[in-house]
C-alpha atoms as a PDB file:
ATOM      1  CA  UNK A   1      12.207  21.668 -13.642  1.00  0.00           C
ATOM      2  CA  UNK A   2      10.432  25.045 -13.530  1.00  0.00           C
ATOM      3  CA  UNK A   3      13.446  26.656 -11.899  1.00  0.00           C
ATOM      4  CA  UNK A   4      13.537  24.113  -9.098  1.00  0.00           C
ATOM      5  CA  UNK A   5      16.824  23.834  -7.300  1.00  0.00           C
ATOM      6  CA  UNK A   6      18.631  20.504  -7.268  1.00  0.00           C
ATOM      7  CA  UNK A   7      20.249  19.206  -4.135  1.00  0.00           C
ATOM      8  CA  UNK A   8      23.213  16.991  -4.964  1.00  0.00           C
ATOM      9  CA  UNK A   9      23.951  14.451  -2.290  1.00  0.00           C
ATOM     10  CA  UNK A  10      26.475  11.658  -2.166  1.00  0.00           C
ATOM     11  CA  UNK A  11      25.046   8.791  -0.155  1.00  0.00           C
ATOM     12  CA  UNK A  12      26.791   5.436   0.313  1.00  0.00           C
ATOM     13  CA  UNK A  13      29.120   6.308  -2.543  1.00  0.00           C
ATOM     14  CA  UNK A  14      26.255   6.908  -5.003  1.00  0.00           C
ATOM     15  CA  UNK A  15      25.182  10.211  -6.486  1.00  0.00           C
ATOM     16  CA  UNK A  16      21.624  10.839  -5.419  1.00  0.00           C
ATOM     17  CA  UNK A  17      19.715  13.729  -6.979  1.00  0.00           C
ATOM     18  CA  UNK A  18      16.685  15.150  -5.219  1.00  0.00           C
ATOM     19  CA  UNK A  19      14.696  17.862  -7.006  1.00  0.00           C
ATOM     20  CA  UNK A  20      13.330  20.211  -4.375  1.00  0.00           C
ATOM     21  CA  UNK A  21      11.742  23.644  -4.168  1.00  0.00           C
ATOM     22  CA  UNK A  22       8.967  24.349  -6.634  1.00  0.00           C
ATOM     23  CA  UNK A  23       6.401  22.001  -8.117  1.00  0.00           C
ATOM     24  CA  UNK A  24       7.885  18.607  -8.845  1.00  0.00           C
ATOM     25  CA  UNK A  25       7.683  17.422 -12.417  1.00  0.00           C
ATOM     26  CA  UNK A  26       7.383  14.185 -14.313  1.00  0.00           C
ATOM     27  CA  UNK A  27      10.867  13.051 -13.319  1.00  0.00           C
ATOM     28  CA  UNK A  28       9.802  12.536  -9.725  1.00  0.00           C
ATOM     29  CA  UNK A  29       6.090  11.808 -10.097  1.00  0.00           C
ATOM     30  CA  UNK A  30       4.559   8.816 -11.873  1.00  0.00           C
ATOM     31  CA  UNK A  31       1.315   8.883 -13.841  1.00  0.00           C
ATOM     32  CA  UNK A  32      -1.353   6.440 -12.727  1.00  0.00           C
ATOM     33  CA  UNK A  33      -4.140   6.025 -15.266  1.00  0.00           C
ATOM     34  CA  UNK A  34      -6.948   5.483 -12.797  1.00  0.00           C
ATOM     35  CA  UNK A  35      -9.992   3.347 -13.437  1.00  0.00           C
ATOM     36  CA  UNK A  36     -12.481   1.198 -11.612  1.00  0.00           C
ATOM     37  CA  UNK A  37     -11.048  -0.185  -8.407  1.00  0.00           C
ATOM     38  CA  UNK A  38     -12.520  -2.720  -6.012  1.00  0.00           C
ATOM     39  CA  UNK A  39     -11.355  -1.594  -2.563  1.00  0.00           C
ATOM     40  CA  UNK A  40     -10.990  -4.192   0.137  1.00  0.00           C
ATOM     41  CA  UNK A  41     -12.567  -1.725   2.503  1.00  0.00           C
ATOM     42  CA  UNK A  42     -15.857  -0.513   1.084  1.00  0.00           C
ATOM     43  CA  UNK A  43     -18.858   1.401   2.410  1.00  0.00           C
ATOM     44  CA  UNK A  44     -21.608  -0.920   3.578  1.00  0.00           C
ATOM     45  CA  UNK A  45     -24.240  -2.063   2.902  1.00  0.00           C
ATOM     46  CA  UNK A  46     -23.292  -1.710  -0.767  1.00  0.00           C
ATOM     47  CA  UNK A  47     -23.469  -5.120  -2.472  1.00  0.00           C
ATOM     48  CA  UNK A  48     -20.222  -6.835  -3.374  1.00  0.00           C
ATOM     49  CA  UNK A  49     -18.271  -6.393  -5.483  1.00  0.00           C
ATOM     50  CA  UNK A  50     -18.485  -2.660  -4.802  1.00  0.00           C
ATOM     51  CA  UNK A  51     -16.099  -0.523  -6.818  1.00  0.00           C
ATOM     52  CA  UNK A  52     -15.011   3.075  -6.911  1.00  0.00           C
ATOM     53  CA  UNK A  53     -13.744   5.143  -9.791  1.00  0.00           C
ATOM     54  CA  UNK A  54     -10.242   6.454  -9.182  1.00  0.00           C
ATOM     55  CA  UNK A  55      -9.465   9.335 -11.521  1.00  0.00           C
ATOM     56  CA  UNK A  56      -6.047   9.518 -13.168  1.00  0.00           C
ATOM     57  CA  UNK A  57      -3.493  11.164 -10.911  1.00  0.00           C
ATOM     58  CA  UNK A  58       0.226  11.688 -10.369  1.00  0.00           C
ATOM     59  CA  UNK A  59       2.062  10.177  -7.403  1.00  0.00           C
ATOM     60  CA  UNK A  60       5.597  10.692  -6.147  1.00  0.00           C
ATOM     61  CA  UNK A  61       7.732   7.797  -7.255  1.00  0.00           C
ATOM     62  CA  UNK A  62       9.349   7.605  -3.817  1.00  0.00           C
ATOM     63  CA  UNK A  63       8.519   8.976  -0.355  1.00  0.00           C
ATOM     64  CA  UNK A  64       9.689  12.464   0.557  1.00  0.00           C
ATOM     65  CA  UNK A  65      13.256  12.331   1.862  1.00  0.00           C
ATOM     66  CA  UNK A  66      14.949  14.013   4.801  1.00  0.00           C
ATOM     67  CA  UNK A  67      16.918  16.155   2.362  1.00  0.00           C
ATOM     68  CA  UNK A  68      13.769  17.431   0.670  1.00  0.00           C
ATOM     69  CA  UNK A  69      11.990  18.110   3.949  1.00  0.00           C
ATOM     70  CA  UNK A  70      15.054  19.940   5.270  1.00  0.00           C
ATOM     71  CA  UNK A  71      14.827  22.405   2.387  1.00  0.00           C
ATOM     72  CA  UNK A  72      11.151  22.866   3.237  1.00  0.00           C
ATOM     73  CA  UNK A  73      11.737  23.687   6.913  1.00  0.00           C
ATOM     74  CA  UNK A  74      14.537  26.060   5.997  1.00  0.00           C
ATOM     75  CA  UNK A  75      12.203  27.986   3.709  1.00  0.00           C
ATOM     76  CA  UNK A  76       9.107  27.618   5.908  1.00  0.00           C
ATOM     77  CA  UNK A  77      10.511  28.260   9.368  1.00  0.00           C
ATOM     78  CA  UNK A  78       7.142  27.811  11.051  1.00  0.00           C
ATOM     79  CA  UNK A  79       7.622  24.058  10.482  1.00  0.00           C
ATOM     80  CA  UNK A  80      10.927  23.812  12.353  1.00  0.00           C
ATOM     81  CA  UNK A  81      10.568  21.562  15.380  1.00  0.00           C
ATOM     82  CA  UNK A  82      11.433  24.449  17.704  1.00  0.00           C
ATOM     83  CA  UNK A  83       8.753  26.689  16.208  1.00  0.00           C
ATOM     84  CA  UNK A  84       5.909  24.434  15.137  1.00  0.00           C
ATOM     85  CA  UNK A  85       2.656  24.950  17.013  1.00  0.00           C
ATOM     86  CA  UNK A  86       1.818  22.200  19.508  1.00  0.00           C
ATOM     87  CA  UNK A  87      -1.590  21.815  17.894  1.00  0.00           C
ATOM     88  CA  UNK A  88       0.112  20.831  14.633  1.00  0.00           C
ATOM     89  CA  UNK A  89       2.743  18.351  15.804  1.00  0.00           C
ATOM     90  CA  UNK A  90       3.461  16.321  18.924  1.00  0.00           C
ATOM     91  CA  UNK A  91       6.750  16.203  20.833  1.00  0.00           C
ATOM     92  CA  UNK A  92       8.199  13.540  18.531  1.00  0.00           C
ATOM     93  CA  UNK A  93       8.143  15.822  15.485  1.00  0.00           C
ATOM     94  CA  UNK A  94      11.566  15.589  13.756  1.00  0.00           C
ATOM     95  CA  UNK A  95      13.045  14.664  17.142  1.00  0.00           C
ATOM     96  CA  UNK A  96      15.650  12.436  15.493  1.00  0.00           C
ATOM     97  CA  UNK A  97      17.213  15.359  13.591  1.00  0.00           C
ATOM     98  CA  UNK A  98      20.377  16.642  15.235  1.00  0.00           C
ATOM     99  CA  UNK A  99      19.037  20.212  15.255  1.00  0.00           C
ATOM    100  CA  UNK A 100      15.910  22.020  14.004  1.00  0.00           C
ATOM    101  CA  UNK A 101      17.656  22.701  10.692  1.00  0.00           C
ATOM    102  CA  UNK A 102      20.228  19.897  10.581  1.00  0.00           C
ATOM    103  CA  UNK A 103      19.813  16.195   9.819  1.00  0.00           C
ATOM    104  CA  UNK A 104      22.603  14.322  11.575  1.00  0.00           C
ATOM    105  CA  UNK A 105      23.536  10.649  11.864  1.00  0.00           C
ATOM    106  CA  UNK A 106      20.004   9.501  12.740  1.00  0.00           C
ATOM    107  CA  UNK A 107      18.440  11.174   9.695  1.00  0.00           C
ATOM    108  CA  UNK A 108      20.500  10.597   6.578  1.00  0.00           C
ATOM    109  CA  UNK A 109      19.624  12.741   3.547  1.00  0.00           C
ATOM    110  CA  UNK A 110      18.359   9.922   1.311  1.00  0.00           C
ATOM    111  CA  UNK A 111      16.295   8.207   3.994  1.00  0.00           C
ATOM    112  CA  UNK A 112      12.562   8.934   3.967  1.00  0.00           C
ATOM    113  CA  UNK A 113      11.538  11.715   6.285  1.00  0.00           C
ATOM    114  CA  UNK A 114       9.602  10.336   9.230  1.00  0.00           C
ATOM    115  CA  UNK A 115       8.297  11.656  12.530  1.00  0.00           C
ATOM    116  CA  UNK A 116       6.231  14.229  10.655  1.00  0.00           C
ATOM    117  CA  UNK A 117       2.617  15.029  11.436  1.00  0.00           C
ATOM    118  CA  UNK A 118      -0.247  14.995   8.943  1.00  0.00           C
ATOM    119  CA  UNK A 119      -0.378  18.781   9.188  1.00  0.00           C
ATOM    120  CA  UNK A 120       3.312  19.060   8.312  1.00  0.00           C
ATOM    121  CA  UNK A 121       3.041  16.555   5.456  1.00  0.00           C
ATOM    122  CA  UNK A 122       0.074  18.429   4.066  1.00  0.00           C
ATOM    123  CA  UNK A 123       1.903  21.762   4.275  1.00  0.00           C
ATOM    124  CA  UNK A 124       4.914  20.307   2.471  1.00  0.00           C
ATOM    125  CA  UNK A 125       2.791  18.998  -0.386  1.00  0.00           C
ATOM    126  CA  UNK A 126       0.951  22.313  -0.682  1.00  0.00           C
ATOM    127  CA  UNK A 127       4.327  24.058  -0.977  1.00  0.00           C
ATOM    128  CA  UNK A 128       5.033  21.772  -3.948  1.00  0.00           C
ATOM    129  CA  UNK A 129       1.671  22.732  -5.507  1.00  0.00           C
ATOM    130  CA  UNK A 130       0.532  19.206  -4.710  1.00  0.00           C
ATOM    131  CA  UNK A 131      -1.463  17.363  -2.050  1.00  0.00           C
ATOM    132  CA  UNK A 132      -1.512  14.152  -0.067  1.00  0.00           C
ATOM    133  CA  UNK A 133      -3.074  11.180  -1.863  1.00  0.00           C
ATOM    134  CA  UNK A 134      -6.421  10.052  -0.531  1.00  0.00           C
ATOM    135  CA  UNK A 135      -7.093   6.538   0.786  1.00  0.00           C
ATOM    136  CA  UNK A 136      -8.467   5.144  -2.474  1.00  0.00           C
ATOM    137  CA  UNK A 137      -5.602   6.625  -4.523  1.00  0.00           C
ATOM    138  CA  UNK A 138      -2.974   5.203  -2.187  1.00  0.00           C
ATOM    139  CA  UNK A 139      -4.611   1.791  -2.072  1.00  0.00           C
ATOM    140  CA  UNK A 140      -5.049   1.793  -5.869  1.00  0.00           C
ATOM    141  CA  UNK A 141      -1.331   2.496  -6.301  1.00  0.00           C
ATOM    142  CA  UNK A 142      -0.306   0.042  -3.580  1.00  0.00           C
ATOM    143  CA  UNK A 143      -2.225  -2.815  -5.222  1.00  0.00           C
ATOM    144  CA  UNK A 144       0.238  -2.989  -8.122  1.00  0.00           C
ATOM    145  CA  UNK A 145       3.378  -5.045  -8.481  1.00  0.00           C
ATOM    146  CA  UNK A 146       5.936  -5.140 -11.282  1.00  0.00           C
ATOM    147  CA  UNK A 147       3.555  -6.847 -13.724  1.00  0.00           C
ATOM    148  CA  UNK A 148      -0.036  -6.300 -12.602  1.00  0.00           C
ATOM    149  CA  UNK A 149      -2.096  -3.262 -11.738  1.00  0.00           C
ATOM    150  CA  UNK A 150      -3.866  -5.310  -9.071  1.00  0.00           C
ATOM    151  CA  UNK A 151      -1.695  -8.016  -7.548  1.00  0.00           C
ATOM    152  CA  UNK A 152      -3.524  -8.237  -4.247  1.00  0.00           C
ATOM    153  CA  UNK A 153      -4.706 -11.763  -4.971  1.00  0.00           C
ATOM    154  CA  UNK A 154      -1.184 -13.125  -5.398  1.00  0.00           C
ATOM    155  CA  UNK A 155       0.664 -14.841  -2.582  1.00  0.00           C
ATOM    156  CA  UNK A 156       3.958 -13.174  -3.567  1.00  0.00           C
ATOM    157  CA  UNK A 157       2.516  -9.651  -3.213  1.00  0.00           C
ATOM    158  CA  UNK A 158       1.164 -10.427   0.238  1.00  0.00           C
ATOM    159  CA  UNK A 159       4.252 -12.316   1.397  1.00  0.00           C
ATOM    160  CA  UNK A 160       6.533  -9.417   0.484  1.00  0.00           C
ATOM    161  CA  UNK A 161       4.567  -7.101   2.752  1.00  0.00           C
ATOM    162  CA  UNK A 162       4.308  -9.587   5.590  1.00  0.00           C
ATOM    163  CA  UNK A 163       8.075 -10.096   5.450  1.00  0.00           C
ATOM    164  CA  UNK A 164       8.460  -6.378   6.115  1.00  0.00           C
ATOM    165  CA  UNK A 165       6.143  -6.560   9.106  1.00  0.00           C
ATOM    166  CA  UNK A 166       8.363  -9.295  10.534  1.00  0.00           C
ATOM    167  CA  UNK A 167      11.508  -7.156  10.513  1.00  0.00           C
ATOM    168  CA  UNK A 168      12.645  -5.427  13.713  1.00  0.00           C
ATOM    169  CA  UNK A 169      11.130  -1.947  13.926  1.00  0.00           C
ATOM    170  CA  UNK A 170      14.437  -0.608  15.238  1.00  0.00           C
ATOM    171  CA  UNK A 171      16.399  -1.421  12.063  1.00  0.00           C
ATOM    172  CA  UNK A 172      17.817   1.665  10.283  1.00  0.00           C
ATOM    173  CA  UNK A 173      15.711   2.879   7.388  1.00  0.00           C
ATOM    174  CA  UNK A 174      16.980   2.272   3.875  1.00  0.00           C
ATOM    175  CA  UNK A 175      17.312   5.101   1.390  1.00  0.00           C
ATOM    176  CA  UNK A 176      14.291   5.848  -0.761  1.00  0.00           C
ATOM    177  CA  UNK A 177      14.147   4.302  -4.208  1.00  0.00           C
ATOM    178  CA  UNK A 178      16.020   1.076  -3.447  1.00  0.00           C
ATOM    179  CA  UNK A 179      13.114  -1.231  -4.284  1.00  0.00           C
ATOM    180  CA  UNK A 180      12.131  -2.241  -7.795  1.00  0.00           C
ATOM    181  CA  UNK A 181       9.482   0.050  -9.317  1.00  0.00           C
ATOM    182  CA  UNK A 182       6.012  -1.326  -9.875  1.00  0.00           C
ATOM    183  CA  UNK A 183       4.333  -1.255 -13.267  1.00  0.00           C
ATOM    184  CA  UNK A 184       3.503   2.435 -12.805  1.00  0.00           C
ATOM    185  CA  UNK A 185       7.070   3.367 -11.868  1.00  0.00           C
ATOM    186  CA  UNK A 186       6.258   3.859  -8.168  1.00  0.00           C
ATOM    187  CA  UNK A 187       8.589   2.538  -5.471  1.00  0.00           C
ATOM    188  CA  UNK A 188       8.560   1.914  -1.721  1.00  0.00           C
ATOM    189  CA  UNK A 189       4.799   1.778  -1.180  1.00  0.00           C
ATOM    190  CA  UNK A 190       5.478  -1.324   0.909  1.00  0.00           C
ATOM    191  CA  UNK A 191       8.505  -2.389   2.892  1.00  0.00           C
ATOM    192  CA  UNK A 192       9.940   0.958   3.949  1.00  0.00           C
ATOM    193  CA  UNK A 193       7.574   3.177   5.964  1.00  0.00           C
ATOM    194  CA  UNK A 194       3.909   3.821   6.680  1.00  0.00           C
ATOM    195  CA  UNK A 195       2.443   6.804   4.825  1.00  0.00           C
ATOM    196  CA  UNK A 196      -0.090   9.508   5.569  1.00  0.00           C
ATOM    197  CA  UNK A 197      -3.160   9.904   3.360  1.00  0.00           C
ATOM    198  CA  UNK A 198      -5.331  12.987   3.121  1.00  0.00           C
ATOM    199  CA  UNK A 199      -8.486  11.424   4.540  1.00  0.00           C
ATOM    200  CA  UNK A 200      -6.882   9.248   7.225  1.00  0.00           C
ATOM    201  CA  UNK A 201      -9.382  10.603   9.757  1.00  0.00           C
ATOM    202  CA  UNK A 202     -12.273   8.985   7.886  1.00  0.00           C
ATOM    203  CA  UNK A 203     -10.933   5.529   8.743  1.00  0.00           C
ATOM    204  CA  UNK A 204     -11.686   4.802  12.377  1.00  0.00           C
ATOM    205  CA  UNK A 205     -12.106   1.463  14.073  1.00  0.00           C
ATOM    206  CA  UNK A 206     -15.474   1.511  15.742  1.00  0.00           C
ATOM    207  CA  UNK A 207     -15.594   1.682  19.510  1.00  0.00           C
ATOM    208  CA  UNK A 208     -19.335   1.079  19.542  1.00  0.00           C
ATOM    209  CA  UNK A 209     -20.058  -2.030  21.593  1.00  0.00           C
ATOM    210  CA  UNK A 210     -22.943  -2.885  19.265  1.00  0.00           C
ATOM    211  CA  UNK A 211     -20.445  -3.703  16.516  1.00  0.00           C
ATOM    212  CA  UNK A 212     -18.096  -5.775  18.654  1.00  0.00           C
ATOM    213  CA  UNK A 213     -19.722  -8.993  17.459  1.00  0.00           C
ATOM    214  CA  UNK A 214     -18.640  -8.325  13.870  1.00  0.00           C
ATOM    215  CA  UNK A 215     -14.843  -7.989  13.581  1.00  0.00           C
ATOM    216  CA  UNK A 216     -15.157  -7.087   9.900  1.00  0.00           C
ATOM    217  CA  UNK A 217     -17.029  -3.867  10.490  1.00  0.00           C
ATOM    218  CA  UNK A 218     -15.073  -0.629  10.511  1.00  0.00           C
ATOM    219  CA  UNK A 219     -16.279   2.967  10.670  1.00  0.00           C
ATOM    220  CA  UNK A 220     -15.642   4.771   7.392  1.00  0.00           C
ATOM    221  CA  UNK A 221     -16.278   8.139   5.758  1.00  0.00           C
ATOM    222  CA  UNK A 222     -17.225  10.050   8.851  1.00  0.00           C
ATOM    223  CA  UNK A 223     -19.236   7.379  10.617  1.00  0.00           C
ATOM    224  CA  UNK A 224     -20.636   5.108   7.889  1.00  0.00           C
ATOM    225  CA  UNK A 225     -20.038   1.391   8.163  1.00  0.00           C
ATOM    226  CA  UNK A 226     -17.547  -0.478   6.027  1.00  0.00           C
ATOM    227  CA  UNK A 227     -17.002  -4.134   5.364  1.00  0.00           C
ATOM    228  CA  UNK A 228     -13.687  -5.818   4.732  1.00  0.00           C
ATOM    229  CA  UNK A 229     -14.259  -7.849   1.595  1.00  0.00           C
ATOM    230  CA  UNK A 230     -11.098  -9.888   1.840  1.00  0.00           C
ATOM    231  CA  UNK A 231     -10.624 -11.253   5.349  1.00  0.00           C
ATOM    232  CA  UNK A 232      -7.180 -12.530   4.442  1.00  0.00           C
ATOM    233  CA  UNK A 233      -5.813  -9.121   3.500  1.00  0.00           C
ATOM    234  CA  UNK A 234      -3.894  -8.581   6.682  1.00  0.00           C
ATOM    235  CA  UNK A 235      -1.675  -5.789   5.211  1.00  0.00           C
ATOM    236  CA  UNK A 236      -4.693  -3.580   4.496  1.00  0.00           C
ATOM    237  CA  UNK A 237      -6.102  -4.251   7.948  1.00  0.00           C
ATOM    238  CA  UNK A 238      -2.779  -3.212   9.452  1.00  0.00           C
ATOM    239  CA  UNK A 239      -2.889   0.081   7.544  1.00  0.00           C
ATOM    240  CA  UNK A 240      -6.435   0.719   8.729  1.00  0.00           C
ATOM    241  CA  UNK A 241      -5.456  -0.063  12.313  1.00  0.00           C
ATOM    242  CA  UNK A 242      -2.488   2.295  12.162  1.00  0.00           C
ATOM    243  CA  UNK A 243      -4.286   5.194  10.530  1.00  0.00           C
ATOM    244  CA  UNK A 244      -7.270   4.835  12.817  1.00  0.00           C
ATOM    245  CA  UNK A 245      -5.011   5.255  15.842  1.00  0.00           C
ATOM    246  CA  UNK A 246      -3.594   8.608  14.736  1.00  0.00           C
ATOM    247  CA  UNK A 247      -4.415  12.257  15.201  1.00  0.00           C
ATOM    248  CA  UNK A 248      -3.350  14.974  12.795  1.00  0.00           C
ATOM    249  CA  UNK A 249      -0.525  16.006  15.114  1.00  0.00           C
ATOM    250  CA  UNK A 250       0.760  12.455  15.602  1.00  0.00           C
ATOM    251  CA  UNK A 251       4.240  11.407  14.542  1.00  0.00           C
ATOM    252  CA  UNK A 252       6.032   8.079  14.392  1.00  0.00           C
ATOM    253  CA  UNK A 253       9.465   6.675  13.688  1.00  0.00           C
ATOM    254  CA  UNK A 254       8.166   4.797  10.628  1.00  0.00           C
ATOM    255  CA  UNK A 255       5.538   7.323   9.549  1.00  0.00           C
ATOM    256  CA  UNK A 256       6.240   9.471   6.486  1.00  0.00           C
ATOM    257  CA  UNK A 257       4.496  10.485   3.285  1.00  0.00           C
ATOM    258  CA  UNK A 258       4.583  11.229  -0.421  1.00  0.00           C
ATOM    259  CA  UNK A 259       2.674  13.773  -2.487  1.00  0.00           C
ATOM    260  CA  UNK A 260       0.136  13.462  -5.283  1.00  0.00           C
ATOM    261  CA  UNK A 261      -1.359  15.777  -7.857  1.00  0.00           C
ATOM    262  CA  UNK A 262      -4.404  15.743 -10.072  1.00  0.00           C
ATOM    263  CA  UNK A 263      -7.971  16.839  -9.522  1.00  0.00           C
ATOM    264  CA  UNK A 264     -10.227  14.473  -7.634  1.00  0.00           C
ATOM    265  CA  UNK A 265     -13.633  13.867  -9.266  1.00  0.00           C
END
């Protein structure tokens, strides 16, 4: 593991191993082969079916945990909640931890870290010699289920996500890695938390009154128009709505992240 330290944690009677420290290796990151991908949100006025090429990349199998982020703040003290610059994180940043360098009962080690800003998530990934996935990479990964690389057209895929939306937002978070892996070996892309992407700021719901008559039009890529190709894909619309409401310093109880690696084309 390139000299990476291992943090051994016993959670709910199970031994949970979290590699932390240096660059994460193949044990914690899945390989996604990439390929042509038809995004449900595409730049307009490109004719349908528009597609993008997603280059092969690596993606964390599970979201970053509290235990892993704790090691990060202990070794990068500028990201402690009592030291982080106000421009980089709002007042909710790691507010559920019992202390700036302690987790506590509200932040169990194996739960995904949440209440982290985009700036903090980005800094964590950079410390792992990685980066945040971009929108197309995350959506490409999230389209898969256990058997198909693109299961978005199946009722079961959509129902599973909608069931999560129906749960009370105040329910305690499960530990990472409890869901079945998809065909790429990635877990928890749906049903656990929302996740930051590198280019979240490029997805903004238009406030221009001229576009109010078309509910399918969304600002994309720094001001270009985008068209939702699948009006029934409520889960994707929810992700767009969430990301479009955020600033880089924003935090949220259900907002976390995972890291990616690989060179974008």
